[in-house]
Amino acid sequence: MPSSRVTSDTVMATNEGSLEANIPKTTGWKDFLALIKIGIVNSNLIPTFTGVWLALHFTNEGFFENLHIVFFLLVGSAFIMAGSCSLNNYIDRDIDHLMDRTKARPTVTGKVNSKMVAVMGFLFILLGTIFLLFTTISAVVIGLIGVFSYVVVYSMWSKRQHVSNTIVGSVSGAVPPLIGWAAIDPNLDLMAWMLFFIMFAWQPPHFYALAMRRVEEYRAASIPMLPVLKGFKRTKLHIYLWVIALMPLPFFMADLGISFLVLATILNIGWLVTGVYANKFKDDIKWARIMFVYSLQYLTIMFVSMVIVTLI
């Protein structure tokens, strides 16, 4: 952990005056959404829903007959994700002012009391756990493993100390579809684990591309991201390798049909081709931006298509 880490809210508040002029005014609601990282919550609910949908499909259970389970699952998952993100904001409040994309967070500007953010985080996790208890114990356990992995293992430990922090953080990011599946079928099927591995392997190329775009910010905050320590060339190689690792996974999901297999293969090959094509610009930051945007579209198309193919 960097020796420059500041732990006093009083000392951190000294940054507020210098930042105030450059920070756009926000409403209380927008500050709340920033604290819970609503974008992350929403994006993770897609694979969560896919997990429960596929579990219902392959166990021959009706969707509307289990609508209450889906409701408790999605609300519970949203709460534990929001709580975990709030705690992450609390933990990172001493370094967020060093990065453009995080310097306007309410925990940095002083618009909210940091201790209240921590309390809110734990409260949301508790509420989420209660909602998940109306599904299965397995869903609760997996959800709490995800919380511990993200808040403790990633946010409090690996993020600031190890270049492998992105891979460590990918464990918690891959949990949502497992929670969804476990809410219906505690005996996780091979299909459920394939959802997990797709989410796991997707995250390094996604976040490495983001880290390339924000490399100077991460360097200023002393976060040992791969492009900070190893450079762009090594980072691009790792991105390619992780995309290649995604390629065989859809073949373990043959029960979803040939149409899904073809689409998933096209998406995987397309990601590689996009990277090779983008090299023509001779601009690593532009390359990273293109790959980052592709990764966002990739995840959405991949998981939505899993639901669609079961309806055809």
Protein backbone atom coordinates (compact mmCIF):
# COMPACT_ATOMS: atom_id res chain seq x y z
CA MET A 1 0.00 0.00 0.00
CA PRO A 2 1.52 3.37 -0.99
CA SER A 3 3.06 5.30 1.90
CA SER A 4 1.31 8.43 0.63
CA ARG A 5 -2.12 7.01 1.45
CA VAL A 6 -4.13 9.53 3.47
CA THR A 7 -6.53 8.15 6.05
CA SER A 8 -7.90 11.30 7.64
CA ASP A 9 -11.12 12.78 6.25
CA THR A 10 -9.92 16.14 7.57
CA VAL A 11 -6.74 16.05 5.49
CA MET A 12 -8.60 14.85 2.40
CA ALA A 13 -11.04 17.72 2.75
CA THR A 14 -8.22 20.15 1.93
CA ASN A 15 -8.52 19.03 -1.68
CA GLU A 16 -12.10 20.23 -1.85
CA GLY A 17 -11.26 23.89 -2.32
CA SER A 18 -8.94 23.27 -5.26
CA LEU A 19 -11.42 20.94 -6.92
CA GLU A 20 -14.60 22.90 -6.33
CA ALA A 21 -14.18 25.25 -9.30
CA ASN A 22 -13.76 22.36 -11.75
CA ILE A 23 -16.56 20.13 -10.46
CA PRO A 24 -20.01 20.41 -12.02
CA LYS A 25 -22.93 20.97 -9.68
CA THR A 26 -25.02 17.89 -9.05
CA THR A 27 -28.24 17.00 -7.30
CA GLY A 28 -28.47 14.79 -4.24
CA TRP A 29 -29.97 12.03 -6.40
CA LYS A 30 -27.07 12.16 -8.85
CA ASP A 31 -24.62 12.01 -5.97
CA PHE A 32 -26.40 8.95 -4.62
CA LEU A 33 -26.25 7.23 -8.01
CA ALA A 34 -22.54 8.04 -8.20
CA LEU A 35 -21.95 6.54 -4.77
CA ILE A 36 -23.57 3.23 -5.67
CA LYS A 37 -22.02 3.28 -9.17
CA ILE A 38 -25.36 2.80 -10.87
CA GLY A 39 -23.72 2.02 -14.21
CA ILE A 40 -21.94 -1.00 -12.73
CA VAL A 41 -25.09 -2.14 -10.93
CA ASN A 42 -27.22 -1.95 -14.09
CA SER A 43 -24.65 -3.66 -16.30
CA ASN A 44 -24.20 -6.51 -13.81
CA LEU A 45 -27.93 -7.14 -13.55
CA ILE A 46 -27.91 -8.27 -17.19
CA PRO A 47 -25.74 -11.38 -16.55
CA THR A 48 -27.59 -11.91 -13.26
CA PHE A 49 -30.89 -12.10 -15.13
CA THR A 50 -29.33 -14.30 -17.82
CA GLY A 51 -28.18 -16.70 -15.12
CA VAL A 52 -31.65 -17.06 -13.58
CA TRP A 53 -33.32 -17.22 -17.00
CA LEU A 54 -31.09 -20.05 -18.20
CA ALA A 55 -31.49 -21.91 -14.90
CA LEU A 56 -35.27 -21.75 -15.32
CA HIS A 57 -34.97 -22.85 -18.95
CA PHE A 58 -32.73 -25.85 -18.34
CA THR A 59 -34.62 -27.02 -15.24
CA ASN A 60 -37.93 -26.73 -17.11
CA GLU A 61 -39.30 -24.25 -14.60
CA GLY A 62 -41.77 -21.58 -15.67
CA PHE A 63 -40.66 -17.94 -15.61
CA PHE A 64 -43.96 -16.44 -14.46
CA GLU A 65 -44.45 -19.16 -11.85
CA ASN A 66 -41.11 -18.09 -10.37
CA LEU A 67 -41.50 -14.37 -10.87
CA HIS A 68 -41.24 -13.77 -7.13
CA ILE A 69 -37.85 -15.52 -7.08
CA VAL A 70 -36.64 -13.35 -9.98
CA PHE A 71 -37.82 -10.25 -8.13
CA PHE A 72 -36.03 -11.12 -4.88
CA LEU A 73 -32.93 -12.09 -6.85
CA LEU A 74 -32.66 -8.88 -8.85
CA VAL A 75 -33.46 -6.58 -5.93
CA GLY A 76 -31.13 -8.46 -3.60
CA SER A 77 -28.32 -8.51 -6.16
CA ALA A 78 -28.77 -4.80 -6.87
CA PHE A 79 -28.50 -4.00 -3.16
CA ILE A 80 -25.35 -6.02 -2.51
CA MET A 81 -23.72 -4.58 -5.64
CA ALA A 82 -24.67 -1.04 -4.64
CA GLY A 83 -23.41 -1.65 -1.11
CA SER A 84 -20.12 -3.05 -2.35
CA CYS A 85 -19.63 -0.10 -4.70
CA SER A 86 -20.37 2.32 -1.87
CA LEU A 87 -17.71 0.68 0.28
CA ASN A 88 -15.30 0.84 -2.65
CA ASN A 89 -15.95 4.59 -2.87
CA TYR A 90 -15.29 4.89 0.85
CA ILE A 91 -12.03 2.94 0.60
CA ASP A 92 -10.76 4.84 -2.45
CA ARG A 93 -11.65 8.32 -1.24
CA ASP A 94 -7.96 9.16 -0.62
CA ILE A 95 -6.88 8.47 -4.21
CA ASP A 96 -9.97 9.35 -6.25
CA HIS A 97 -9.04 13.05 -6.29
CA LEU A 98 -5.94 12.15 -8.32
CA MET A 99 -7.93 10.81 -11.27
CA ASP A 100 -10.13 12.85 -13.60
CA ARG A 101 -12.82 10.19 -13.89
CA THR A 102 -13.26 9.91 -10.11
CA LYS A 103 -12.37 13.35 -8.73
CA ALA A 104 -16.01 14.51 -8.77
CA ARG A 105 -17.27 11.67 -6.58
CA PRO A 106 -19.16 12.94 -3.52
CA THR A 107 -16.66 11.20 -1.23
CA VAL A 108 -13.93 13.38 -2.75
CA THR A 109 -15.74 16.70 -2.91
CA GLY A 110 -17.00 16.42 0.64
CA LYS A 111 -20.66 16.63 -0.37
CA VAL A 112 -21.38 13.55 1.72
CA ASN A 113 -20.05 12.31 5.03
CA SER A 114 -17.62 9.45 4.36
CA LYS A 115 -18.70 7.53 7.45
CA MET A 116 -22.31 7.68 6.26
CA VAL A 117 -21.21 6.22 2.93
CA ALA A 118 -19.66 3.28 4.76
CA VAL A 119 -22.80 2.81 6.87
CA MET A 120 -24.94 2.93 3.74
CA GLY A 121 -22.71 0.34 2.10
CA PHE A 122 -23.07 -2.14 4.95
CA LEU A 123 -26.81 -1.45 5.19
CA PHE A 124 -27.34 -2.14 1.49
CA ILE A 125 -25.37 -5.36 1.72
CA LEU A 126 -27.54 -6.43 4.67
CA LEU A 127 -30.74 -5.60 2.79
CA GLY A 128 -29.47 -7.43 -0.28
CA THR A 129 -28.67 -10.49 1.79
CA ILE A 130 -32.18 -10.48 3.26
CA PHE A 131 -33.76 -10.35 -0.18
CA LEU A 132 -31.51 -13.16 -1.45
CA LEU A 133 -32.54 -15.30 1.52
CA PHE A 134 -35.96 -15.57 -0.17
CA THR A 135 -34.25 -17.45 -3.01
CA THR A 136 -31.65 -20.02 -1.90
CA ILE A 137 -28.84 -20.20 0.65
CA SER A 138 -26.44 -20.90 -2.22
CA ALA A 139 -27.32 -17.59 -3.84
CA VAL A 140 -26.68 -15.82 -0.52
CA VAL A 141 -23.30 -17.50 -0.02
CA ILE A 142 -22.16 -16.77 -3.57
CA GLY A 143 -23.31 -13.17 -3.26
CA LEU A 144 -21.38 -12.65 -0.02
CA ILE A 145 -18.30 -14.28 -1.53
CA GLY A 146 -18.57 -11.71 -4.30
CA VAL A 147 -18.83 -8.89 -1.74
CA PHE A 148 -15.79 -10.08 0.20
CA SER A 149 -13.78 -10.58 -2.97
CA TYR A 150 -14.55 -7.09 -4.25
CA VAL A 151 -14.38 -5.08 -1.04
CA VAL A 152 -11.62 -6.84 0.87
CA VAL A 153 -9.51 -8.89 -1.53
CA TYR A 154 -9.61 -6.40 -4.41
CA SER A 155 -10.35 -2.91 -3.05
CA MET A 156 -8.41 -3.15 0.22
CA TRP A 157 -5.54 -5.34 -0.90
CA SER A 158 -4.65 -6.27 -4.47
CA LYS A 159 -5.71 -3.03 -6.19
CA ARG A 160 -2.94 -1.04 -4.53
CA GLN A 161 -0.23 -3.69 -4.30
CA HIS A 162 -0.22 -6.09 -7.23
CA VAL A 163 -0.17 -5.83 -11.01
CA SER A 164 -2.53 -8.81 -11.01
CA ASN A 165 -5.21 -6.65 -9.36
CA THR A 166 -7.41 -6.71 -12.47
CA ILE A 167 -7.44 -10.51 -12.53
CA VAL A 168 -8.16 -10.67 -8.79
CA GLY A 169 -11.03 -8.21 -9.24
CA SER A 170 -12.42 -10.30 -12.07
CA VAL A 171 -13.53 -12.96 -9.60
CA SER A 172 -16.14 -10.72 -7.97
CA GLY A 173 -17.14 -9.33 -11.35
CA ALA A 174 -17.89 -12.83 -12.63
CA VAL A 175 -20.18 -13.77 -9.72
CA PRO A 176 -23.51 -12.20 -10.89
CA PRO A 177 -24.59 -15.00 -13.29
CA LEU A 178 -23.73 -17.60 -10.65
CA ILE A 179 -25.99 -15.82 -8.15
CA GLY A 180 -28.74 -15.80 -10.76
CA TRP A 181 -28.40 -19.50 -11.52
CA ALA A 182 -28.10 -20.50 -7.85
CA ALA A 183 -31.35 -18.68 -7.04
CA ILE A 184 -33.13 -21.47 -8.95
CA ASP A 185 -30.66 -24.36 -8.98
CA PRO A 186 -28.15 -24.51 -6.09
CA ASN A 187 -26.38 -27.38 -7.87
CA LEU A 188 -24.53 -25.21 -10.34
CA ASP A 189 -24.56 -26.73 -13.81
CA LEU A 190 -21.65 -26.61 -16.27
CA MET A 191 -23.61 -23.90 -18.09
CA ALA A 192 -23.55 -21.74 -14.96
CA TRP A 193 -19.78 -22.05 -14.69
CA MET A 194 -19.38 -21.16 -18.35
CA LEU A 195 -21.29 -17.94 -17.65
CA PHE A 196 -18.85 -17.30 -14.81
CA PHE A 197 -15.78 -17.98 -16.95
CA ILE A 198 -17.03 -15.76 -19.78
CA MET A 199 -17.52 -12.91 -17.33
CA PHE A 200 -14.12 -13.63 -15.76
CA ALA A 201 -12.17 -13.74 -19.04
CA TRP A 202 -13.99 -10.68 -20.42
CA GLN A 203 -12.90 -8.36 -17.63
CA PRO A 204 -9.09 -8.20 -18.10
CA PRO A 205 -9.24 -7.03 -21.75
CA HIS A 206 -12.05 -4.61 -20.84
CA PHE A 207 -10.24 -3.04 -17.89
CA TYR A 208 -6.79 -3.17 -19.45
CA ALA A 209 -8.15 -1.08 -22.32
CA LEU A 210 -9.59 1.37 -19.79
CA ALA A 211 -6.27 1.44 -17.91
CA MET A 212 -4.41 2.28 -21.11
CA ARG A 213 -6.70 5.26 -21.64
CA ARG A 214 -6.23 6.41 -18.04
CA VAL A 215 -2.63 5.31 -17.56
CA GLU A 216 -1.35 8.67 -16.29
CA GLU A 217 -4.16 8.90 -13.76
CA TYR A 218 -3.40 5.44 -12.41
CA ARG A 219 0.29 6.34 -12.30
CA ALA A 220 -0.46 9.50 -10.32
CA ALA A 221 -2.55 7.47 -7.87
CA SER A 222 0.20 4.82 -7.54
CA ILE A 223 -2.14 2.06 -8.70
CA PRO A 224 0.00 -0.75 -10.21
CA MET A 225 -2.09 -1.34 -13.31
CA LEU A 226 -0.52 -3.42 -16.08
CA PRO A 227 0.10 -0.53 -18.52
CA VAL A 228 1.65 1.53 -15.72
CA LEU A 229 4.22 -1.12 -14.83
CA LYS A 230 4.65 -3.06 -18.07
CA GLY A 231 3.81 -0.56 -20.79
CA PHE A 232 1.33 -0.54 -23.67
CA LYS A 233 2.98 -3.26 -25.78
CA ARG A 234 2.76 -5.84 -23.00
CA THR A 235 -0.77 -4.74 -22.13
CA LYS A 236 -1.97 -5.14 -25.71
CA LEU A 237 -0.48 -8.64 -25.80
CA HIS A 238 -2.35 -9.55 -22.61
CA ILE A 239 -5.59 -8.20 -24.08
CA TYR A 240 -5.18 -10.41 -27.15
CA LEU A 241 -4.42 -13.46 -24.99
CA TRP A 242 -7.52 -12.96 -22.84
CA VAL A 243 -9.72 -12.56 -25.92
CA ILE A 244 -8.26 -15.80 -27.26
CA ALA A 245 -9.08 -17.44 -23.91
CA LEU A 246 -12.74 -16.55 -24.51
CA MET A 247 -12.90 -18.40 -27.81
CA PRO A 248 -13.37 -22.02 -26.64
CA LEU A 249 -15.91 -21.21 -23.91
CA PRO A 250 -19.06 -21.07 -26.11
CA PHE A 251 -18.31 -24.61 -27.33
CA PHE A 252 -19.08 -25.84 -23.80
CA MET A 253 -22.52 -24.25 -24.14
CA ALA A 254 -23.74 -26.34 -27.05
CA ASP A 255 -27.17 -26.73 -25.44
CA LEU A 256 -27.86 -23.13 -26.42
CA GLY A 257 -27.80 -24.17 -30.06
CA ILE A 258 -25.76 -23.57 -33.17
CA SER A 259 -27.03 -20.01 -33.64
CA PHE A 260 -25.53 -18.93 -30.33
CA LEU A 261 -22.29 -20.75 -31.03
CA VAL A 262 -21.94 -19.00 -34.38
CA LEU A 263 -22.76 -15.58 -32.92
CA ALA A 264 -20.37 -16.01 -29.98
CA THR A 265 -17.58 -17.14 -32.30
CA ILE A 266 -18.15 -14.13 -34.56
CA LEU A 267 -18.01 -11.83 -31.53
CA ASN A 268 -14.75 -13.38 -30.31
CA ILE A 269 -13.06 -13.31 -33.70
CA GLY A 270 -14.42 -9.83 -34.27
CA TRP A 271 -12.74 -8.62 -31.08
CA LEU A 272 -9.37 -9.87 -32.29
CA VAL A 273 -9.88 -8.49 -35.79
CA THR A 274 -10.89 -5.14 -34.33
CA GLY A 275 -7.65 -4.99 -32.38
CA VAL A 276 -5.53 -5.87 -35.41
CA TYR A 277 -7.40 -3.35 -37.58
CA ALA A 278 -7.15 -0.57 -35.00
CA ASN A 279 -3.36 -0.88 -35.02
CA LYS A 280 -3.35 0.95 -38.35
CA PHE A 281 -4.00 4.21 -36.51
CA LYS A 282 -0.59 4.00 -34.81
CA ASP A 283 -2.21 5.49 -31.72
CA ASP A 284 -2.31 3.31 -28.60
CA ILE A 285 -4.87 5.49 -26.82
CA LYS A 286 -7.22 5.39 -29.81
CA TRP A 287 -6.64 1.64 -30.05
CA ALA A 288 -7.58 1.26 -26.38
CA ARG A 289 -10.71 3.36 -26.82
CA ILE A 290 -11.88 1.23 -29.75
CA MET A 291 -11.24 -2.00 -27.85
CA PHE A 292 -12.98 -0.64 -24.75
CA VAL A 293 -16.12 0.27 -26.71
CA TYR A 294 -16.11 -3.16 -28.40
CA SER A 295 -15.89 -4.86 -25.01
CA LEU A 296 -19.00 -3.05 -23.79
CA GLN A 297 -21.01 -4.10 -26.83
CA TYR A 298 -19.60 -7.61 -26.64
CA LEU A 299 -20.85 -8.30 -23.12
CA THR A 300 -24.34 -6.96 -23.74
CA ILE A 301 -24.81 -8.83 -27.02
CA MET A 302 -23.38 -12.05 -25.61
CA PHE A 303 -25.67 -12.27 -22.57
CA VAL A 304 -28.81 -10.91 -24.23
CA SER A 305 -28.38 -13.40 -27.07
CA MET A 306 -28.32 -16.26 -24.55
CA VAL A 307 -31.82 -15.31 -23.52
CA ILE A 308 -33.05 -14.74 -27.08
CA VAL A 309 -31.89 -18.14 -28.41
CA THR A 310 -33.98 -19.90 -25.76
CA LEU A 311 -37.08 -18.12 -27.07
CA ILE A 312 -36.63 -19.08 -30.70
